[in-house]
N, C-alpha and C. Protein backbone atom coordinates (compact mmCIF):
# COMPACT_ATOMS: atom_id res chain seq x y z
N MET A 1 19.14 -15.96 -0.77
CA MET A 1 18.73 -15.63 -2.12
C MET A 1 19.50 -14.39 -2.57
N THR A 2 20.02 -14.38 -3.77
CA THR A 2 20.76 -13.23 -4.28
C THR A 2 19.78 -12.14 -4.72
N THR A 3 20.31 -10.94 -4.90
CA THR A 3 19.47 -9.83 -5.36
C THR A 3 18.83 -10.17 -6.69
N GLU A 4 19.59 -10.81 -7.58
CA GLU A 4 19.04 -11.16 -8.90
C GLU A 4 17.88 -12.14 -8.76
N GLN A 5 18.03 -13.14 -7.88
CA GLN A 5 16.95 -14.11 -7.67
C GLN A 5 15.72 -13.42 -7.05
N GLU A 6 15.97 -12.53 -6.07
CA GLU A 6 14.88 -11.80 -5.44
C GLU A 6 14.14 -10.97 -6.50
N ALA A 7 14.91 -10.32 -7.37
CA ALA A 7 14.33 -9.47 -8.41
C ALA A 7 13.47 -10.27 -9.38
N LEU A 8 13.97 -11.41 -9.81
CA LEU A 8 13.22 -12.23 -10.75
C LEU A 8 11.93 -12.77 -10.14
N THR A 9 12.01 -13.22 -8.89
CA THR A 9 10.83 -13.72 -8.19
C THR A 9 9.81 -12.59 -8.02
N TRP A 10 10.28 -11.39 -7.63
CA TRP A 10 9.42 -10.22 -7.45
C TRP A 10 8.70 -9.88 -8.75
N ALA A 11 9.43 -9.85 -9.86
CA ALA A 11 8.82 -9.48 -11.15
C ALA A 11 7.82 -10.53 -11.62
N GLU A 12 8.17 -11.80 -11.44
CA GLU A 12 7.28 -12.88 -11.87
C GLU A 12 5.99 -12.87 -11.06
N THR A 13 6.11 -12.77 -9.74
CA THR A 13 4.94 -12.76 -8.87
C THR A 13 4.10 -11.51 -9.11
N GLY A 14 4.75 -10.36 -9.22
CA GLY A 14 4.04 -9.10 -9.43
C GLY A 14 3.27 -9.07 -10.73
N SER A 15 3.86 -9.62 -11.79
CA SER A 15 3.15 -9.62 -13.07
C SER A 15 1.94 -10.55 -13.03
N LYS A 16 2.06 -11.67 -12.32
CA LYS A 16 0.91 -12.57 -12.17
C LYS A 16 -0.19 -11.90 -11.36
N ASP A 17 0.20 -11.26 -10.23
CA ASP A 17 -0.79 -10.60 -9.37
C ASP A 17 -1.51 -9.47 -10.09
N SER A 18 -0.79 -8.72 -10.91
CA SER A 18 -1.40 -7.60 -11.62
C SER A 18 -1.96 -8.00 -12.98
N GLN A 19 -1.84 -9.28 -13.30
CA GLN A 19 -2.36 -9.85 -14.55
C GLN A 19 -1.85 -9.11 -15.79
N THR A 20 -0.53 -8.83 -15.77
CA THR A 20 0.12 -8.19 -16.91
C THR A 20 1.37 -8.99 -17.26
N ASP A 21 1.99 -8.62 -18.36
CA ASP A 21 3.27 -9.25 -18.68
C ASP A 21 4.35 -8.60 -17.82
N VAL A 22 5.51 -9.23 -17.75
CA VAL A 22 6.59 -8.77 -16.88
C VAL A 22 7.00 -7.34 -17.24
N LYS A 23 7.14 -7.02 -18.50
CA LYS A 23 7.58 -5.68 -18.88
C LYS A 23 6.58 -4.62 -18.43
N SER A 24 5.30 -4.86 -18.58
CA SER A 24 4.28 -3.89 -18.14
C SER A 24 4.34 -3.69 -16.63
N PHE A 25 4.53 -4.79 -15.89
CA PHE A 25 4.66 -4.70 -14.44
C PHE A 25 5.88 -3.85 -14.07
N LEU A 26 7.01 -4.12 -14.72
CA LEU A 26 8.24 -3.38 -14.42
C LEU A 26 8.08 -1.90 -14.74
N LEU A 27 7.44 -1.60 -15.86
CA LEU A 27 7.24 -0.19 -16.22
C LEU A 27 6.34 0.52 -15.22
N SER A 28 5.34 -0.19 -14.67
CA SER A 28 4.46 0.44 -13.68
C SER A 28 5.24 0.79 -12.42
N LYS A 29 6.19 -0.04 -12.05
CA LYS A 29 7.03 0.24 -10.87
C LYS A 29 8.09 1.28 -11.18
N ALA A 30 8.64 1.25 -12.39
CA ALA A 30 9.69 2.20 -12.79
C ALA A 30 9.16 3.62 -12.84
N GLU A 31 7.90 3.78 -13.18
CA GLU A 31 7.32 5.11 -13.29
C GLU A 31 7.45 5.87 -11.97
N TRP A 32 7.31 5.17 -10.84
CA TRP A 32 7.44 5.80 -9.52
C TRP A 32 8.92 5.96 -9.14
N ALA A 33 9.74 4.97 -9.46
CA ALA A 33 11.10 4.93 -8.94
C ALA A 33 12.10 5.80 -9.71
N TYR A 34 11.85 6.04 -10.97
CA TYR A 34 12.81 6.77 -11.80
C TYR A 34 12.32 8.17 -12.09
N ASP A 35 13.27 9.08 -12.38
CA ASP A 35 12.84 10.41 -12.80
C ASP A 35 12.30 10.31 -14.22
N GLU A 36 11.65 11.36 -14.67
CA GLU A 36 10.95 11.34 -15.95
C GLU A 36 11.87 11.01 -17.13
N PHE A 37 13.07 11.56 -17.14
CA PHE A 37 14.01 11.33 -18.23
C PHE A 37 14.41 9.85 -18.31
N ASP A 38 14.82 9.27 -17.17
CA ASP A 38 15.23 7.86 -17.16
C ASP A 38 14.06 6.94 -17.48
N TYR A 39 12.87 7.30 -17.01
CA TYR A 39 11.70 6.48 -17.28
C TYR A 39 11.42 6.43 -18.79
N GLU A 40 11.57 7.55 -19.48
CA GLU A 40 11.36 7.58 -20.93
C GLU A 40 12.34 6.65 -21.65
N ILE A 41 13.57 6.59 -21.17
CA ILE A 41 14.57 5.67 -21.76
C ILE A 41 14.18 4.23 -21.49
N ILE A 42 13.78 3.93 -20.26
CA ILE A 42 13.43 2.56 -19.87
C ILE A 42 12.24 2.04 -20.70
N LYS A 43 11.29 2.92 -21.02
CA LYS A 43 10.12 2.50 -21.78
C LYS A 43 10.49 1.90 -23.13
N HIS A 44 11.66 2.25 -23.65
CA HIS A 44 12.06 1.81 -24.99
C HIS A 44 13.01 0.62 -24.98
N ILE A 45 13.24 0.05 -23.82
CA ILE A 45 14.07 -1.16 -23.75
C ILE A 45 13.32 -2.31 -24.40
N GLY A 46 14.03 -3.12 -25.13
CA GLY A 46 13.41 -4.22 -25.88
C GLY A 46 12.88 -5.34 -25.02
N ASP A 47 12.40 -6.39 -25.69
CA ASP A 47 11.76 -7.51 -25.01
C ASP A 47 12.59 -8.79 -25.04
N THR A 48 13.89 -8.70 -25.37
CA THR A 48 14.69 -9.92 -25.37
C THR A 48 14.85 -10.39 -23.93
N GLU A 49 15.16 -11.65 -23.75
CA GLU A 49 15.31 -12.21 -22.41
C GLU A 49 16.41 -11.48 -21.63
N GLU A 50 17.50 -11.18 -22.29
CA GLU A 50 18.61 -10.50 -21.61
C GLU A 50 18.22 -9.07 -21.20
N GLU A 51 17.53 -8.35 -22.09
CA GLU A 51 17.11 -6.99 -21.77
C GLU A 51 16.11 -6.98 -20.61
N LEU A 52 15.17 -7.92 -20.62
CA LEU A 52 14.20 -7.99 -19.53
C LEU A 52 14.86 -8.37 -18.21
N TYR A 53 15.86 -9.25 -18.26
CA TYR A 53 16.60 -9.63 -17.05
C TYR A 53 17.29 -8.40 -16.47
N ASP A 54 18.01 -7.65 -17.31
CA ASP A 54 18.71 -6.45 -16.85
C ASP A 54 17.73 -5.42 -16.32
N LEU A 55 16.60 -5.24 -17.01
CA LEU A 55 15.59 -4.30 -16.58
C LEU A 55 15.00 -4.71 -15.23
N THR A 56 14.75 -6.00 -15.06
CA THR A 56 14.18 -6.50 -13.81
C THR A 56 15.09 -6.20 -12.64
N VAL A 57 16.36 -6.52 -12.76
CA VAL A 57 17.31 -6.29 -11.67
C VAL A 57 17.45 -4.80 -11.39
N SER A 58 17.52 -4.00 -12.43
CA SER A 58 17.68 -2.55 -12.28
C SER A 58 16.47 -1.93 -11.58
N VAL A 59 15.26 -2.27 -12.04
CA VAL A 59 14.06 -1.69 -11.45
C VAL A 59 13.89 -2.16 -10.01
N TYR A 60 14.14 -3.44 -9.74
CA TYR A 60 14.04 -3.97 -8.37
C TYR A 60 14.93 -3.19 -7.42
N GLU A 61 16.19 -3.02 -7.80
CA GLU A 61 17.13 -2.31 -6.94
C GLU A 61 16.72 -0.85 -6.75
N LYS A 62 16.26 -0.21 -7.82
CA LYS A 62 15.85 1.20 -7.75
C LYS A 62 14.60 1.35 -6.88
N VAL A 63 13.63 0.45 -7.02
CA VAL A 63 12.41 0.52 -6.21
C VAL A 63 12.75 0.30 -4.74
N LYS A 64 13.66 -0.61 -4.46
CA LYS A 64 14.06 -0.87 -3.06
C LYS A 64 14.69 0.39 -2.44
N VAL A 65 15.57 1.04 -3.17
CA VAL A 65 16.20 2.27 -2.69
C VAL A 65 15.16 3.38 -2.51
N LYS A 66 14.28 3.53 -3.49
CA LYS A 66 13.24 4.57 -3.43
C LYS A 66 12.27 4.30 -2.27
N THR A 67 11.94 3.03 -2.03
CA THR A 67 11.06 2.66 -0.91
C THR A 67 11.69 3.08 0.41
N GLU A 68 12.96 2.76 0.58
CA GLU A 68 13.64 3.12 1.83
C GLU A 68 13.68 4.63 2.01
N ALA A 69 13.96 5.36 0.95
CA ALA A 69 14.02 6.81 1.03
C ALA A 69 12.65 7.39 1.41
N TRP A 70 11.57 6.84 0.82
CA TRP A 70 10.22 7.32 1.12
C TRP A 70 9.86 7.04 2.57
N LEU A 71 10.19 5.85 3.06
CA LEU A 71 9.89 5.50 4.46
C LEU A 71 10.60 6.47 5.42
N LYS A 72 11.85 6.80 5.11
CA LYS A 72 12.59 7.75 5.95
C LYS A 72 11.98 9.15 5.85
N GLU A 73 11.59 9.55 4.65
CA GLU A 73 10.97 10.86 4.45
C GLU A 73 9.67 10.98 5.26
N MET A 74 8.93 9.87 5.39
CA MET A 74 7.67 9.85 6.13
C MET A 74 7.89 9.59 7.63
N TRP A 75 9.14 9.51 8.04
CA TRP A 75 9.51 9.27 9.45
C TRP A 75 8.98 7.94 9.99
N ILE A 76 8.93 6.94 9.14
CA ILE A 76 8.48 5.61 9.56
C ILE A 76 9.69 4.86 10.10
N LYS A 77 9.52 4.30 11.27
CA LYS A 77 10.64 3.63 11.95
C LYS A 77 10.33 2.14 12.12
N ASN A 78 11.34 1.38 12.49
CA ASN A 78 11.20 -0.05 12.79
C ASN A 78 10.56 -0.83 11.64
N TYR A 79 11.04 -0.57 10.42
CA TYR A 79 10.49 -1.24 9.25
C TYR A 79 11.46 -2.28 8.70
N THR A 80 10.89 -3.21 7.96
CA THR A 80 11.65 -4.21 7.22
C THR A 80 11.13 -4.21 5.79
N ILE A 81 12.04 -4.09 4.83
CA ILE A 81 11.65 -4.22 3.43
C ILE A 81 11.86 -5.68 3.05
N ASN A 82 10.78 -6.38 2.75
CA ASN A 82 10.84 -7.81 2.45
C ASN A 82 11.38 -8.04 1.04
N ASP A 83 11.74 -9.30 0.74
CA ASP A 83 12.27 -9.65 -0.58
C ASP A 83 11.32 -9.27 -1.71
N ASP A 84 10.00 -9.31 -1.44
CA ASP A 84 9.02 -8.96 -2.47
C ASP A 84 8.72 -7.46 -2.48
N LEU A 85 9.53 -6.69 -1.75
CA LEU A 85 9.46 -5.23 -1.64
C LEU A 85 8.23 -4.73 -0.88
N THR A 86 7.50 -5.62 -0.22
CA THR A 86 6.47 -5.17 0.70
C THR A 86 7.18 -4.72 1.98
N VAL A 87 6.47 -3.95 2.80
CA VAL A 87 7.08 -3.38 3.99
C VAL A 87 6.30 -3.82 5.23
N ASP A 88 7.02 -4.36 6.21
CA ASP A 88 6.46 -4.66 7.52
C ASP A 88 6.94 -3.59 8.49
N VAL A 89 6.07 -3.17 9.40
CA VAL A 89 6.44 -2.17 10.40
C VAL A 89 6.08 -2.69 11.78
N ASN A 90 7.06 -2.68 12.68
CA ASN A 90 6.83 -3.06 14.06
C ASN A 90 6.53 -1.79 14.84
N GLY A 91 5.25 -1.41 14.83
CA GLY A 91 4.81 -0.17 15.46
C GLY A 91 3.79 0.51 14.58
N PRO A 92 3.51 1.79 14.85
CA PRO A 92 2.50 2.52 14.08
C PRO A 92 3.05 3.13 12.80
N VAL A 93 2.13 3.48 11.89
CA VAL A 93 2.47 4.23 10.68
C VAL A 93 1.57 5.47 10.65
N ASP A 94 2.19 6.64 10.66
CA ASP A 94 1.45 7.90 10.68
C ASP A 94 1.67 8.64 9.37
N LEU A 95 0.68 8.56 8.47
CA LEU A 95 0.72 9.27 7.20
C LEU A 95 -0.34 10.38 7.19
N TYR A 96 -0.75 10.81 8.36
CA TYR A 96 -1.79 11.83 8.54
C TYR A 96 -1.32 13.16 7.95
N GLU A 97 -2.16 13.75 7.09
CA GLU A 97 -1.91 15.07 6.49
C GLU A 97 -0.54 15.17 5.82
N LYS A 98 -0.19 14.19 4.99
CA LYS A 98 1.09 14.21 4.28
C LYS A 98 0.93 14.64 2.82
N GLU A 99 -0.27 15.09 2.44
CA GLU A 99 -0.57 15.53 1.07
C GLU A 99 -0.35 14.41 0.04
N LEU A 100 -0.68 13.19 0.43
CA LEU A 100 -0.51 12.04 -0.45
C LEU A 100 -1.70 11.90 -1.40
N THR A 101 -1.42 11.57 -2.64
CA THR A 101 -2.47 11.21 -3.58
C THR A 101 -2.52 9.70 -3.77
N SER A 102 -1.48 9.01 -3.30
CA SER A 102 -1.43 7.54 -3.32
C SER A 102 -0.44 7.09 -2.25
N ILE A 103 -0.49 5.81 -1.94
CA ILE A 103 0.49 5.20 -1.04
C ILE A 103 1.47 4.46 -1.95
N PRO A 104 2.65 5.01 -2.18
CA PRO A 104 3.52 4.49 -3.23
C PRO A 104 4.23 3.18 -2.91
N VAL A 105 4.26 2.77 -1.66
CA VAL A 105 4.86 1.49 -1.30
C VAL A 105 3.76 0.54 -0.90
N GLN A 106 4.04 -0.76 -0.89
CA GLN A 106 3.04 -1.74 -0.47
C GLN A 106 3.39 -2.22 0.93
N PHE A 107 2.59 -1.79 1.90
CA PHE A 107 2.76 -2.30 3.26
C PHE A 107 2.17 -3.70 3.34
N CYS A 108 2.74 -4.52 4.21
CA CYS A 108 2.22 -5.88 4.40
C CYS A 108 1.61 -5.99 5.80
N LYS A 109 2.47 -5.96 6.83
CA LYS A 109 2.00 -6.07 8.22
C LYS A 109 2.46 -4.84 9.00
N VAL A 110 1.53 -4.25 9.75
CA VAL A 110 1.84 -3.14 10.64
C VAL A 110 1.31 -3.55 12.01
N THR A 111 2.18 -3.63 13.02
CA THR A 111 1.74 -4.12 14.33
C THR A 111 0.96 -3.07 15.12
N GLY A 112 1.19 -1.80 14.84
CA GLY A 112 0.45 -0.72 15.51
C GLY A 112 -0.71 -0.26 14.67
N TRP A 113 -1.09 1.01 14.85
CA TRP A 113 -2.17 1.58 14.04
C TRP A 113 -1.60 2.10 12.73
N PHE A 114 -2.50 2.29 11.75
CA PHE A 114 -2.13 2.82 10.44
C PHE A 114 -3.08 3.97 10.15
N ASN A 115 -2.53 5.18 10.01
CA ASN A 115 -3.36 6.35 9.78
C ASN A 115 -2.92 7.05 8.50
N CYS A 116 -3.78 7.00 7.50
CA CYS A 116 -3.52 7.71 6.23
C CYS A 116 -4.62 8.74 5.98
N SER A 117 -5.16 9.30 7.03
CA SER A 117 -6.27 10.25 6.96
C SER A 117 -5.81 11.64 6.54
N ARG A 118 -6.80 12.43 6.09
CA ARG A 118 -6.59 13.83 5.68
C ARG A 118 -5.50 13.97 4.63
N ASN A 119 -5.64 13.17 3.58
CA ASN A 119 -4.80 13.27 2.40
C ASN A 119 -5.72 13.46 1.20
N GLN A 120 -5.24 13.16 0.03
CA GLN A 120 -6.05 13.22 -1.19
C GLN A 120 -6.08 11.83 -1.86
N LEU A 121 -6.07 10.78 -1.04
CA LEU A 121 -6.04 9.42 -1.57
C LEU A 121 -7.31 9.10 -2.35
N THR A 122 -7.14 8.51 -3.52
CA THR A 122 -8.27 8.03 -4.31
C THR A 122 -8.33 6.51 -4.28
N SER A 123 -7.34 5.89 -3.65
CA SER A 123 -7.26 4.43 -3.58
C SER A 123 -6.51 4.05 -2.31
N LEU A 124 -6.82 2.87 -1.78
CA LEU A 124 -6.10 2.34 -0.63
C LEU A 124 -5.03 1.34 -1.05
N VAL A 125 -4.75 1.24 -2.34
CA VAL A 125 -3.67 0.38 -2.80
C VAL A 125 -2.39 0.84 -2.12
N GLY A 126 -1.68 -0.09 -1.51
CA GLY A 126 -0.48 0.22 -0.74
C GLY A 126 -0.71 0.08 0.75
N ALA A 127 -1.98 0.13 1.17
CA ALA A 127 -2.30 -0.04 2.60
C ALA A 127 -1.88 -1.45 3.04
N PRO A 128 -1.61 -1.63 4.33
CA PRO A 128 -1.17 -2.95 4.79
C PRO A 128 -2.25 -4.01 4.66
N LYS A 129 -1.81 -5.25 4.57
CA LYS A 129 -2.75 -6.39 4.52
C LYS A 129 -3.30 -6.66 5.91
N LYS A 130 -2.45 -6.44 6.95
CA LYS A 130 -2.86 -6.69 8.33
C LYS A 130 -2.41 -5.53 9.20
N VAL A 131 -3.35 -5.04 10.05
CA VAL A 131 -3.06 -3.96 10.98
C VAL A 131 -3.34 -4.46 12.39
N GLY A 132 -2.35 -4.32 13.27
CA GLY A 132 -2.45 -4.84 14.64
C GLY A 132 -3.34 -4.02 15.55
N LYS A 133 -3.57 -2.76 15.21
CA LYS A 133 -4.46 -1.91 16.01
C LYS A 133 -5.50 -1.31 15.07
N SER A 134 -5.71 -0.01 15.08
CA SER A 134 -6.76 0.61 14.28
C SER A 134 -6.27 1.09 12.92
N PHE A 135 -7.22 1.21 11.98
CA PHE A 135 -6.95 1.69 10.63
C PHE A 135 -7.82 2.91 10.38
N HIS A 136 -7.19 4.02 9.99
CA HIS A 136 -7.90 5.28 9.76
C HIS A 136 -7.60 5.80 8.36
N CYS A 137 -8.66 6.00 7.59
CA CYS A 137 -8.52 6.56 6.24
C CYS A 137 -9.56 7.64 5.99
N PHE A 138 -9.97 8.36 7.05
CA PHE A 138 -11.00 9.38 6.91
C PHE A 138 -10.47 10.63 6.22
N PHE A 139 -11.39 11.43 5.69
CA PHE A 139 -11.08 12.67 4.96
C PHE A 139 -10.09 12.44 3.83
N ASN A 140 -10.48 11.61 2.87
CA ASN A 140 -9.75 11.40 1.63
C ASN A 140 -10.72 11.54 0.47
N GLN A 141 -10.35 11.05 -0.69
CA GLN A 141 -11.19 11.13 -1.89
C GLN A 141 -11.64 9.73 -2.33
N LEU A 142 -11.76 8.82 -1.38
CA LEU A 142 -12.04 7.42 -1.70
C LEU A 142 -13.48 7.22 -2.17
N THR A 143 -13.63 6.44 -3.24
CA THR A 143 -14.95 6.02 -3.71
C THR A 143 -15.09 4.51 -3.62
N SER A 144 -14.00 3.85 -3.22
CA SER A 144 -13.96 2.39 -3.11
C SER A 144 -13.02 2.03 -1.96
N LEU A 145 -13.25 0.87 -1.38
CA LEU A 145 -12.36 0.38 -0.33
C LEU A 145 -11.38 -0.67 -0.87
N ALA A 146 -11.27 -0.77 -2.20
CA ALA A 146 -10.30 -1.69 -2.81
C ALA A 146 -8.90 -1.33 -2.32
N GLY A 147 -8.16 -2.34 -1.90
CA GLY A 147 -6.81 -2.12 -1.37
C GLY A 147 -6.78 -2.00 0.14
N ALA A 148 -7.96 -1.97 0.78
CA ALA A 148 -8.02 -1.88 2.24
C ALA A 148 -7.42 -3.13 2.86
N PRO A 149 -7.01 -3.05 4.13
CA PRO A 149 -6.46 -4.24 4.80
C PRO A 149 -7.46 -5.40 4.81
N HIS A 150 -6.91 -6.61 4.85
CA HIS A 150 -7.74 -7.81 4.97
C HIS A 150 -8.16 -8.02 6.43
N THR A 151 -7.27 -7.58 7.35
CA THR A 151 -7.51 -7.76 8.78
C THR A 151 -7.09 -6.50 9.53
N VAL A 152 -8.00 -6.00 10.39
CA VAL A 152 -7.70 -4.89 11.29
C VAL A 152 -8.16 -5.35 12.67
N LEU A 153 -7.25 -5.39 13.64
CA LEU A 153 -7.61 -5.89 14.97
C LEU A 153 -8.32 -4.84 15.82
N GLY A 154 -8.17 -3.58 15.49
CA GLY A 154 -8.84 -2.49 16.21
C GLY A 154 -9.98 -1.91 15.40
N TRP A 155 -10.14 -0.59 15.49
CA TRP A 155 -11.20 0.13 14.78
C TRP A 155 -10.86 0.32 13.32
N PHE A 156 -11.90 0.54 12.51
CA PHE A 156 -11.75 0.87 11.09
C PHE A 156 -12.58 2.12 10.85
N ASP A 157 -11.92 3.25 10.55
CA ASP A 157 -12.61 4.53 10.37
C ASP A 157 -12.42 5.01 8.93
N CYS A 158 -13.52 5.05 8.18
CA CYS A 158 -13.47 5.49 6.78
C CYS A 158 -14.46 6.62 6.51
N THR A 159 -14.69 7.47 7.51
CA THR A 159 -15.64 8.57 7.37
C THR A 159 -15.10 9.68 6.47
N ARG A 160 -16.02 10.50 5.99
CA ARG A 160 -15.69 11.72 5.24
C ARG A 160 -14.87 11.47 3.97
N ASN A 161 -15.34 10.54 3.17
CA ASN A 161 -14.76 10.28 1.86
C ASN A 161 -15.82 10.55 0.80
N LEU A 162 -15.45 10.50 -0.45
CA LEU A 162 -16.43 10.72 -1.52
C LEU A 162 -17.48 9.61 -1.54
N GLY A 163 -17.05 8.38 -1.22
CA GLY A 163 -17.99 7.25 -1.13
C GLY A 163 -18.58 7.22 0.27
N ALA A 164 -19.89 7.04 0.35
CA ALA A 164 -20.56 6.92 1.65
C ALA A 164 -20.57 5.44 2.03
N PHE A 165 -19.51 4.99 2.69
CA PHE A 165 -19.35 3.57 3.00
C PHE A 165 -20.21 3.16 4.18
N THR A 166 -20.64 1.90 4.13
CA THR A 166 -21.43 1.32 5.21
C THR A 166 -20.59 0.27 5.92
N GLU A 167 -21.10 -0.20 7.05
CA GLU A 167 -20.43 -1.28 7.77
C GLU A 167 -20.31 -2.51 6.88
N GLU A 168 -21.35 -2.78 6.11
CA GLU A 168 -21.33 -3.93 5.19
C GLU A 168 -20.22 -3.78 4.14
N ASP A 169 -20.02 -2.56 3.62
CA ASP A 169 -18.94 -2.31 2.66
C ASP A 169 -17.59 -2.68 3.28
N VAL A 170 -17.39 -2.27 4.52
CA VAL A 170 -16.11 -2.54 5.20
C VAL A 170 -15.96 -4.04 5.43
N ARG A 171 -17.01 -4.68 5.93
CA ARG A 171 -16.92 -6.12 6.23
C ARG A 171 -16.73 -6.97 4.96
N THR A 172 -17.11 -6.44 3.82
CA THR A 172 -16.90 -7.15 2.56
C THR A 172 -15.41 -7.28 2.23
N VAL A 173 -14.62 -6.30 2.62
CA VAL A 173 -13.19 -6.30 2.28
C VAL A 173 -12.27 -6.60 3.45
N CYS A 174 -12.79 -6.52 4.69
CA CYS A 174 -11.91 -6.58 5.86
C CYS A 174 -12.57 -7.25 7.05
N ARG A 175 -11.76 -8.04 7.76
CA ARG A 175 -12.20 -8.61 9.05
C ARG A 175 -11.74 -7.61 10.12
N VAL A 176 -12.70 -7.03 10.86
CA VAL A 176 -12.41 -5.96 11.82
C VAL A 176 -12.71 -6.44 13.23
N GLY A 177 -11.77 -6.23 14.16
CA GLY A 177 -11.94 -6.66 15.54
C GLY A 177 -12.61 -5.63 16.42
N GLY A 178 -12.56 -4.36 16.04
CA GLY A 178 -13.16 -3.27 16.82
C GLY A 178 -14.34 -2.67 16.10
N ALA A 179 -14.67 -1.45 16.47
CA ALA A 179 -15.81 -0.76 15.87
C ALA A 179 -15.49 -0.36 14.43
N ILE A 180 -16.53 -0.31 13.62
CA ILE A 180 -16.42 0.19 12.25
C ILE A 180 -17.12 1.53 12.22
N ILE A 181 -16.37 2.57 11.86
CA ILE A 181 -16.90 3.93 11.89
C ILE A 181 -17.05 4.41 10.46
N THR A 182 -18.30 4.65 10.06
CA THR A 182 -18.62 5.14 8.72
C THR A 182 -19.46 6.40 8.88
N ASP A 183 -19.81 7.02 7.79
CA ASP A 183 -20.65 8.22 7.86
C ASP A 183 -22.06 7.91 8.35
N VAL A 184 -22.44 6.63 8.36
CA VAL A 184 -23.77 6.26 8.82
C VAL A 184 -23.74 5.55 10.17
N THR A 185 -22.58 5.50 10.82
CA THR A 185 -22.46 4.87 12.13
C THR A 185 -23.03 5.79 13.20
N THR A 186 -23.79 5.24 14.14
CA THR A 186 -24.33 6.05 15.22
C THR A 186 -23.34 6.06 16.39
N LEU A 187 -23.47 7.05 17.25
CA LEU A 187 -22.63 7.15 18.43
C LEU A 187 -22.78 5.91 19.32
N GLU A 188 -24.00 5.39 19.40
CA GLU A 188 -24.24 4.19 20.22
C GLU A 188 -23.47 2.99 19.65
N GLU A 189 -23.44 2.84 18.33
CA GLU A 189 -22.70 1.74 17.71
C GLU A 189 -21.21 1.85 17.99
N ILE A 190 -20.69 3.06 18.01
CA ILE A 190 -19.27 3.25 18.28
C ILE A 190 -18.95 2.87 19.72
N SER A 191 -19.75 3.35 20.67
CA SER A 191 -19.46 3.08 22.06
C SER A 191 -19.72 1.63 22.48
N HIS A 192 -20.49 0.88 21.69
CA HIS A 192 -20.77 -0.52 22.00
C HIS A 192 -20.18 -1.46 20.96
N GLY A 193 -19.19 -1.00 20.20
CA GLY A 193 -18.56 -1.83 19.18
C GLY A 193 -17.86 -3.02 19.79
N PRO A 194 -17.54 -4.03 18.99
CA PRO A 194 -16.87 -5.23 19.48
C PRO A 194 -15.59 -4.88 20.23
N GLY A 195 -15.40 -5.48 21.35
CA GLY A 195 -14.18 -5.32 22.12
C GLY A 195 -14.08 -3.98 22.83
N GLN A 196 -15.16 -3.23 22.90
CA GLN A 196 -15.11 -1.90 23.53
C GLN A 196 -15.67 -1.97 24.93
């Protein structure tokens, strides 16, 4: 598949998933990928088919470059950037105490653990869909588990957030293979969790 084909598929799928038109989807991605000056110019690009095509290819390529730069800045290794710009990691992801207010890339599969604890996250959007070991998002500003992984094979720790999450809250959004640790979890539940 060519870069242009990848870009068009990415924009079409992304706009459907976010329930917006293609231009709105592209602008939401461009806001992260471009500096403020370039983003202001991009916002005024027209809606003709040719302009949207050029914008799609440009934003796709810029987001891909920005994603790679961010992964390197976070010292994430053994990653693959997929055609849809999601990221797979063969190993762990350590975003502990990185002063993040959001996870700017969309992880898909992480074979190791995923730790985004002790940040200022208000959302788990960007977290992987599947985690091969444990998932940790404690000490953030979360009031919702929207964006949490669909599957975690190890523990799921969401303690010390603005929302007082329960085991039921976690199980509503995620299939967990290990213990679920919330602010209301007892020590006995942790030590006797599934697979422990």
